[in-house]
Amino acid sequence: EFIDIIAHELKTPLTTIKTYTDLLRKEKLGPLNEVQREKLERMEKNIKRLTKLIDDMLQIPSIDAKELELRKELFPAQEVIDAIVEEVEEIAREKKQAFTVEIDGDAIIFGDKNLIEKAIKNIVVNAVKYTPEKGAITLTAKREGDFIRISVADTGRGIRSEDAEKIFEPFYSLESGAGLGLSIAKNIVESHGGKIWVESTVGKGSQFHILLRGEK
């Protein structure tokens, strides 16, 4: 309840700030020079980061609840992955990252489509964020018997073994940030009876895996 109150209190002033930055970008308050445009772009990036953080905070009460209602259906992994790639590909392109997607045609998932998309997206966004410029990210969805394994591999800095389990805890972060994305992903996956884990080598990169029930 406390987190819910704080998140809502933050959202109101942030909406006001976004309104003014939109006016600035459209030059409704006067023309901008190059330096001002650069500063405005930085402001807008931080607004997006804070908006995502608040949205994640607002999801914690429902996603963490044992009585979470799942609207399960059969859907191709391709559908959610295509939507995720469309959202992140611009950022990956800006960082000159090589983005590869490999999906089995029979990778059909049984679960709550919206929540599973959220879980996978949190991991992909993390990979894009922590993979350096000109790095590589590979997103795969493979059928393994009755299950679908979704993997996100990157060439980032890697994660120490002592941090590998902690990164799925709420508010745990290796760098600046609230560290909510992976915790939310874990809760979503486990609410489906699935598994989520990471394999990593410091200096070489990480590979996150999600195992979910497939088409029966």
C-alpha atoms as a PDB file:
ATOM      1  CA  GLU A   1       0.000   0.000   0.000  1.00  0.00           C
ATOM      2  CA  PHE A   2       2.876   2.359   0.852  1.00  0.00           C
ATOM      3  CA  ILE A   3       4.527   1.743  -2.531  1.00  0.00           C
ATOM      4  CA  ASP A   4       1.194   2.307  -4.271  1.00  0.00           C
ATOM      5  CA  ILE A   5       0.729   5.689  -2.545  1.00  0.00           C
ATOM      6  CA  ILE A   6       4.282   6.834  -3.305  1.00  0.00           C
ATOM      7  CA  ALA A   7       3.994   5.799  -6.958  1.00  0.00           C
ATOM      8  CA  HIS A   8       0.764   7.734  -7.426  1.00  0.00           C
ATOM      9  CA  GLU A   9       2.216  10.790  -5.669  1.00  0.00           C
ATOM     10  CA  LEU A  10       5.180  10.743  -8.063  1.00  0.00           C
ATOM     11  CA  LYS A  11       3.063  10.258 -11.167  1.00  0.00           C
ATOM     12  CA  THR A  12       1.174  13.569 -10.894  1.00  0.00           C
ATOM     13  CA  PRO A  13       4.184  15.939 -10.932  1.00  0.00           C
ATOM     14  CA  LEU A  14       5.905  13.771 -13.547  1.00  0.00           C
ATOM     15  CA  THR A  15       2.889  14.172 -15.842  1.00  0.00           C
ATOM     16  CA  THR A  16       3.140  17.950 -15.413  1.00  0.00           C
ATOM     17  CA  ILE A  17       6.852  17.906 -16.248  1.00  0.00           C
ATOM     18  CA  LYS A  18       6.173  15.808 -19.349  1.00  0.00           C
ATOM     19  CA  THR A  19       3.523  18.290 -20.487  1.00  0.00           C
ATOM     20  CA  TYR A  20       6.046  21.138 -20.351  1.00  0.00           C
ATOM     21  CA  THR A  21       8.789  19.160 -22.102  1.00  0.00           C
ATOM     22  CA  ASP A  22       6.299  18.359 -24.884  1.00  0.00           C
ATOM     23  CA  LEU A  23       5.615  22.092 -25.245  1.00  0.00           C
ATOM     24  CA  LEU A  24       9.348  22.789 -25.381  1.00  0.00           C
ATOM     25  CA  ARG A  25       9.957  20.092 -27.999  1.00  0.00           C
ATOM     26  CA  LYS A  26       7.166  21.526 -30.190  1.00  0.00           C
ATOM     27  CA  GLU A  27       8.706  24.993 -29.619  1.00  0.00           C
ATOM     28  CA  LYS A  28       5.394  26.326 -28.316  1.00  0.00           C
ATOM     29  CA  LEU A  29       7.368  28.370 -25.776  1.00  0.00           C
ATOM     30  CA  GLY A  30       9.884  29.678 -28.301  1.00  0.00           C
ATOM     31  CA  PRO A  31      12.633  28.331 -30.586  1.00  0.00           C
ATOM     32  CA  LEU A  32      15.397  26.110 -29.189  1.00  0.00           C
ATOM     33  CA  ASN A  33      19.080  26.153 -30.038  1.00  0.00           C
ATOM     34  CA  GLU A  34      21.183  22.998 -30.441  1.00  0.00           C
ATOM     35  CA  VAL A  35      22.403  22.938 -26.833  1.00  0.00           C
ATOM     36  CA  GLN A  36      18.867  23.346 -25.505  1.00  0.00           C
ATOM     37  CA  ARG A  37      17.654  20.497 -27.731  1.00  0.00           C
ATOM     38  CA  GLU A  38      20.355  18.205 -26.366  1.00  0.00           C
ATOM     39  CA  LYS A  39      19.391  19.089 -22.793  1.00  0.00           C
ATOM     40  CA  LEU A  40      15.723  18.511 -23.613  1.00  0.00           C
ATOM     41  CA  GLU A  41      16.487  15.068 -25.069  1.00  0.00           C
ATOM     42  CA  ARG A  42      18.307  14.160 -21.863  1.00  0.00           C
ATOM     43  CA  MET A  43      15.330  15.340 -19.808  1.00  0.00           C
ATOM     44  CA  GLU A  44      12.918  13.273 -21.915  1.00  0.00           C
ATOM     45  CA  LYS A  45      15.057  10.154 -21.518  1.00  0.00           C
ATOM     46  CA  ASN A  46      15.009  10.587 -17.742  1.00  0.00           C
ATOM     47  CA  ILE A  47      11.254  11.159 -17.794  1.00  0.00           C
ATOM     48  CA  LYS A  48      10.818   7.857 -19.675  1.00  0.00           C
ATOM     49  CA  ARG A  49      13.051   6.099 -17.153  1.00  0.00           C
ATOM     50  CA  LEU A  50      11.064   7.489 -14.204  1.00  0.00           C
ATOM     51  CA  THR A  51       7.747   6.696 -15.891  1.00  0.00           C
ATOM     52  CA  LYS A  52       8.820   3.075 -16.348  1.00  0.00           C
ATOM     53  CA  LEU A  53       9.951   2.897 -12.718  1.00  0.00           C
ATOM     54  CA  ILE A  54       6.599   4.229 -11.481  1.00  0.00           C
ATOM     55  CA  ASP A  55       4.665   1.846 -13.735  1.00  0.00           C
ATOM     56  CA  ASP A  56       6.734  -1.042 -12.367  1.00  0.00           C
ATOM     57  CA  MET A  57       6.058   0.084  -8.795  1.00  0.00           C
ATOM     58  CA  LEU A  58       2.319   0.215  -9.471  1.00  0.00           C
ATOM     59  CA  GLN A  59       2.424  -3.362 -10.751  1.00  0.00           C
ATOM     60  CA  ILE A  60       4.091  -4.789  -7.645  1.00  0.00           C
ATOM     61  CA  PRO A  61       0.926  -5.155  -5.498  1.00  0.00           C
ATOM     62  CA  SER A  62      -1.005  -7.104  -8.151  1.00  0.00           C
ATOM     63  CA  ILE A  63       1.854  -9.161  -9.557  1.00  0.00           C
ATOM     64  CA  ASP A  64       3.109 -10.103  -6.092  1.00  0.00           C
ATOM     65  CA  ALA A  65      -0.325 -11.209  -4.922  1.00  0.00           C
ATOM     66  CA  LYS A  66      -0.925 -14.932  -4.567  1.00  0.00           C
ATOM     67  CA  GLU A  67      -4.413 -14.511  -5.976  1.00  0.00           C
ATOM     68  CA  LEU A  68      -3.082 -13.004  -9.225  1.00  0.00           C
ATOM     69  CA  GLU A  69      -5.683 -13.713 -11.891  1.00  0.00           C
ATOM     70  CA  LEU A  70      -4.140 -15.235 -14.996  1.00  0.00           C
ATOM     71  CA  ARG A  71      -6.019 -15.066 -18.283  1.00  0.00           C
ATOM     72  CA  LYS A  72      -4.393 -18.044 -19.918  1.00  0.00           C
ATOM     73  CA  GLU A  73      -4.570 -18.743 -23.612  1.00  0.00           C
ATOM     74  CA  LEU A  74      -2.480 -20.345 -26.328  1.00  0.00           C
ATOM     75  CA  PHE A  75      -0.418 -17.899 -28.377  1.00  0.00           C
ATOM     76  CA  PRO A  76       2.700 -18.009 -30.579  1.00  0.00           C
ATOM     77  CA  ALA A  77       5.890 -16.786 -28.916  1.00  0.00           C
ATOM     78  CA  GLN A  78       6.484 -14.930 -32.182  1.00  0.00           C
ATOM     79  CA  GLU A  79       3.634 -12.501 -31.427  1.00  0.00           C
ATOM     80  CA  VAL A  80       4.938 -11.202 -28.103  1.00  0.00           C
ATOM     81  CA  ILE A  81       8.565 -11.218 -29.221  1.00  0.00           C
ATOM     82  CA  ASP A  82       7.769  -9.204 -32.362  1.00  0.00           C
ATOM     83  CA  ALA A  83       6.007  -6.604 -30.197  1.00  0.00           C
ATOM     84  CA  ILE A  84       8.966  -6.418 -27.806  1.00  0.00           C
ATOM     85  CA  VAL A  85      11.538  -6.084 -30.581  1.00  0.00           C
ATOM     86  CA  GLU A  86       9.512  -3.275 -32.139  1.00  0.00           C
ATOM     87  CA  GLU A  87       9.695  -1.382 -28.833  1.00  0.00           C
ATOM     88  CA  VAL A  88      13.425  -1.767 -28.192  1.00  0.00           C
ATOM     89  CA  GLU A  89      14.972  -1.899 -31.672  1.00  0.00           C
ATOM     90  CA  GLU A  90      15.361   1.890 -31.932  1.00  0.00           C
ATOM     91  CA  ILE A  91      17.416   2.039 -28.727  1.00  0.00           C
ATOM     92  CA  ALA A  92      19.480  -0.962 -29.849  1.00  0.00           C
ATOM     93  CA  ARG A  93      20.066   0.735 -33.200  1.00  0.00           C
ATOM     94  CA  GLU A  94      21.255   3.918 -31.479  1.00  0.00           C
ATOM     95  CA  LYS A  95      23.794   1.832 -29.558  1.00  0.00           C
ATOM     96  CA  LYS A  96      24.787  -0.001 -32.776  1.00  0.00           C
ATOM     97  CA  GLN A  97      23.905  -3.324 -31.147  1.00  0.00           C
ATOM     98  CA  ALA A  98      23.450  -6.435 -33.268  1.00  0.00           C
ATOM     99  CA  PHE A  99      19.981  -7.794 -32.464  1.00  0.00           C
ATOM    100  CA  THR A 100      19.241 -11.385 -33.518  1.00  0.00           C
ATOM    101  CA  VAL A 101      15.905 -13.203 -33.117  1.00  0.00           C
ATOM    102  CA  GLU A 102      15.437 -16.961 -33.555  1.00  0.00           C
ATOM    103  CA  ILE A 103      11.991 -18.470 -32.927  1.00  0.00           C
ATOM    104  CA  ASP A 104      10.750 -22.014 -33.530  1.00  0.00           C
ATOM    105  CA  GLY A 105       7.534 -22.096 -35.525  1.00  0.00           C
ATOM    106  CA  ASP A 106       5.998 -24.492 -32.986  1.00  0.00           C
ATOM    107  CA  ALA A 107       6.888 -22.316 -29.975  1.00  0.00           C
ATOM    108  CA  ILE A 108       3.319 -21.935 -28.688  1.00  0.00           C
ATOM    109  CA  ILE A 109       2.956 -20.700 -25.094  1.00  0.00           C
ATOM    110  CA  PHE A 110       0.070 -21.369 -22.718  1.00  0.00           C
ATOM    111  CA  GLY A 111      -0.301 -18.447 -20.335  1.00  0.00           C
ATOM    112  CA  ASP A 112      -1.368 -14.856 -19.791  1.00  0.00           C
ATOM    113  CA  LYS A 113      -0.151 -13.172 -22.963  1.00  0.00           C
ATOM    114  CA  ASN A 114       0.108  -9.628 -21.575  1.00  0.00           C
ATOM    115  CA  LEU A 115       1.947 -10.651 -18.418  1.00  0.00           C
ATOM    116  CA  ILE A 116       4.359 -12.945 -20.227  1.00  0.00           C
ATOM    117  CA  GLU A 117       5.128 -10.194 -22.727  1.00  0.00           C
ATOM    118  CA  LYS A 118       5.886  -7.916 -19.763  1.00  0.00           C
ATOM    119  CA  ALA A 119       8.236 -10.494 -18.218  1.00  0.00           C
ATOM    120  CA  ILE A 120      10.180 -11.067 -21.437  1.00  0.00           C
ATOM    121  CA  LYS A 121      10.310  -7.354 -22.217  1.00  0.00           C
ATOM    122  CA  ASN A 122      11.813  -6.566 -18.807  1.00  0.00           C
ATOM    123  CA  ILE A 123      14.669  -8.961 -19.518  1.00  0.00           C
ATOM    124  CA  VAL A 124      15.225  -7.674 -23.067  1.00  0.00           C
ATOM    125  CA  VAL A 125      15.202  -4.037 -21.906  1.00  0.00           C
ATOM    126  CA  ASN A 126      17.775  -4.971 -19.272  1.00  0.00           C
ATOM    127  CA  ALA A 127      19.970  -6.604 -21.919  1.00  0.00           C
ATOM    128  CA  VAL A 128      19.823  -3.550 -24.189  1.00  0.00           C
ATOM    129  CA  LYS A 129      20.552  -1.244 -21.271  1.00  0.00           C
ATOM    130  CA  TYR A 130      23.610  -3.088 -19.952  1.00  0.00           C
ATOM    131  CA  THR A 131      25.101  -4.240 -23.248  1.00  0.00           C
ATOM    132  CA  PRO A 132      27.692  -1.729 -24.493  1.00  0.00           C
ATOM    133  CA  GLU A 133      27.708  -0.071 -27.897  1.00  0.00           C
ATOM    134  CA  LYS A 134      28.380  -2.466 -30.787  1.00  0.00           C
ATOM    135  CA  GLY A 135      27.524  -5.393 -28.517  1.00  0.00           C
ATOM    136  CA  ALA A 136      25.203  -8.247 -29.457  1.00  0.00           C
ATOM    137  CA  ILE A 137      21.856  -9.477 -28.134  1.00  0.00           C
ATOM    138  CA  THR A 138      20.223 -12.745 -29.164  1.00  0.00           C
ATOM    139  CA  LEU A 139      16.603 -13.552 -28.353  1.00  0.00           C
ATOM    140  CA  THR A 140      15.443 -17.131 -28.917  1.00  0.00           C
ATOM    141  CA  ALA A 141      12.291 -19.173 -28.310  1.00  0.00           C
ATOM    142  CA  LYS A 142      12.701 -22.943 -28.591  1.00  0.00           C
ATOM    143  CA  ARG A 143      10.373 -25.836 -27.902  1.00  0.00           C
ATOM    144  CA  GLU A 144      11.655 -28.381 -25.375  1.00  0.00           C
ATOM    145  CA  GLY A 145       9.129 -31.181 -25.010  1.00  0.00           C
ATOM    146  CA  ASP A 146       6.026 -29.745 -23.330  1.00  0.00           C
ATOM    147  CA  PHE A 147       7.809 -26.484 -22.535  1.00  0.00           C
ATOM    148  CA  ILE A 148       9.010 -23.360 -24.306  1.00  0.00           C
ATOM    149  CA  ARG A 149      12.402 -21.967 -23.389  1.00  0.00           C
ATOM    150  CA  ILE A 150      12.880 -18.259 -24.051  1.00  0.00           C
ATOM    151  CA  SER A 151      16.474 -17.070 -23.801  1.00  0.00           C
ATOM    152  CA  VAL A 152      18.003 -13.605 -23.941  1.00  0.00           C
ATOM    153  CA  ALA A 153      21.779 -13.614 -24.407  1.00  0.00           C
ATOM    154  CA  ASP A 154      23.954 -10.497 -24.365  1.00  0.00           C
ATOM    155  CA  THR A 155      27.603  -9.513 -24.548  1.00  0.00           C
ATOM    156  CA  GLY A 156      27.452  -7.206 -21.547  1.00  0.00           C
ATOM    157  CA  ARG A 157      29.789  -7.104 -18.560  1.00  0.00           C
ATOM    158  CA  GLY A 158      28.346 -10.248 -16.992  1.00  0.00           C
ATOM    159  CA  ILE A 159      27.127 -10.933 -13.455  1.00  0.00           C
ATOM    160  CA  ARG A 160      29.104 -12.328 -10.541  1.00  0.00           C
ATOM    161  CA  SER A 161      27.897 -15.671  -9.183  1.00  0.00           C
ATOM    162  CA  GLU A 162      27.078 -14.127  -5.790  1.00  0.00           C
ATOM    163  CA  ASP A 163      24.754 -11.634  -7.506  1.00  0.00           C
ATOM    164  CA  ALA A 164      23.057 -14.144  -9.827  1.00  0.00           C
ATOM    165  CA  GLU A 165      20.241 -14.989  -7.375  1.00  0.00           C
ATOM    166  CA  LYS A 166      19.965 -11.564  -5.768  1.00  0.00           C
ATOM    167  CA  ILE A 167      19.194  -9.758  -9.024  1.00  0.00           C
ATOM    168  CA  PHE A 168      15.684 -11.242  -8.955  1.00  0.00           C
ATOM    169  CA  GLU A 169      14.974  -9.666  -5.550  1.00  0.00           C
ATOM    170  CA  PRO A 170      12.864  -6.476  -5.422  1.00  0.00           C
ATOM    171  CA  PHE A 171      14.924  -3.254  -5.419  1.00  0.00           C
ATOM    172  CA  TYR A 172      18.231  -5.104  -5.843  1.00  0.00           C
ATOM    173  CA  SER A 173      20.346  -3.508  -8.545  1.00  0.00           C
ATOM    174  CA  LEU A 174      23.958  -3.835  -9.616  1.00  0.00           C
ATOM    175  CA  GLU A 175      23.947  -0.202 -10.716  1.00  0.00           C
ATOM    176  CA  SER A 176      21.801   2.874 -10.248  1.00  0.00           C
ATOM    177  CA  GLY A 177      18.109   2.089 -10.493  1.00  0.00           C
ATOM    178  CA  ALA A 178      15.445   0.396  -8.437  1.00  0.00           C
ATOM    179  CA  GLY A 179      15.975  -3.113  -9.788  1.00  0.00           C
ATOM    180  CA  LEU A 180      12.270  -3.913 -10.167  1.00  0.00           C
ATOM    181  CA  GLY A 181      12.153  -5.289 -13.702  1.00  0.00           C
ATOM    182  CA  LEU A 182      13.715  -8.693 -13.030  1.00  0.00           C
ATOM    183  CA  SER A 183      11.759  -9.132  -9.796  1.00  0.00           C
ATOM    184  CA  ILE A 184       8.498  -8.524 -11.645  1.00  0.00           C
ATOM    185  CA  ALA A 185       9.561 -10.933 -14.399  1.00  0.00           C
ATOM    186  CA  LYS A 186      10.303 -13.612 -11.785  1.00  0.00           C
ATOM    187  CA  ASN A 187       6.908 -13.202 -10.107  1.00  0.00           C
ATOM    188  CA  ILE A 188       5.090 -13.427 -13.437  1.00  0.00           C
ATOM    189  CA  VAL A 189       6.986 -16.520 -14.560  1.00  0.00           C
ATOM    190  CA  GLU A 190       6.591 -18.315 -11.225  1.00  0.00           C
ATOM    191  CA  SER A 191       2.871 -17.476 -11.099  1.00  0.00           C
ATOM    192  CA  HIS A 192       2.640 -19.552 -14.308  1.00  0.00           C
ATOM    193  CA  GLY A 193       4.500 -22.439 -12.686  1.00  0.00           C
ATOM    194  CA  GLY A 194       7.552 -21.635 -14.791  1.00  0.00           C
ATOM    195  CA  LYS A 195      11.221 -21.084 -14.045  1.00  0.00           C
ATOM    196  CA  ILE A 196      13.581 -18.159 -14.599  1.00  0.00           C
ATOM    197  CA  TRP A 197      17.333 -18.135 -14.124  1.00  0.00           C
ATOM    198  CA  VAL A 198      20.560 -16.603 -15.392  1.00  0.00           C
ATOM    199  CA  GLU A 199      23.877 -18.009 -16.566  1.00  0.00           C
ATOM    200  CA  SER A 200      26.700 -15.508 -16.709  1.00  0.00           C
ATOM    201  CA  THR A 201      30.439 -15.063 -17.078  1.00  0.00           C
ATOM    202  CA  VAL A 202      31.990 -11.819 -15.874  1.00  0.00           C
ATOM    203  CA  GLY A 203      33.494  -9.942 -18.788  1.00  0.00           C
ATOM    204  CA  LYS A 204      31.685 -12.013 -21.418  1.00  0.00           C
ATOM    205  CA  GLY A 205      27.957 -11.527 -20.898  1.00  0.00           C
ATOM    206  CA  SER A 206      24.800 -13.116 -19.557  1.00  0.00           C
ATOM    207  CA  GLN A 207      22.070 -15.452 -20.725  1.00  0.00           C
ATOM    208  CA  PHE A 208      18.645 -15.247 -19.091  1.00  0.00           C
ATOM    209  CA  HIS A 209      16.272 -18.182 -19.491  1.00  0.00           C
ATOM    210  CA  ILE A 210      12.512 -18.486 -19.010  1.00  0.00           C
ATOM    211  CA  LEU A 211      10.832 -21.895 -19.099  1.00  0.00           C
ATOM    212  CA  LEU A 212       7.061 -21.869 -19.617  1.00  0.00           C
ATOM    213  CA  ARG A 213       4.339 -24.404 -20.346  1.00  0.00           C
ATOM    214  CA  GLY A 214       3.814 -24.883 -24.066  1.00  0.00           C
ATOM    215  CA  GLU A 215       0.927 -26.150 -26.144  1.00  0.00           C
ATOM    216  CA  LYS A 216      -0.335 -29.471 -24.815  1.00  0.00           C
END
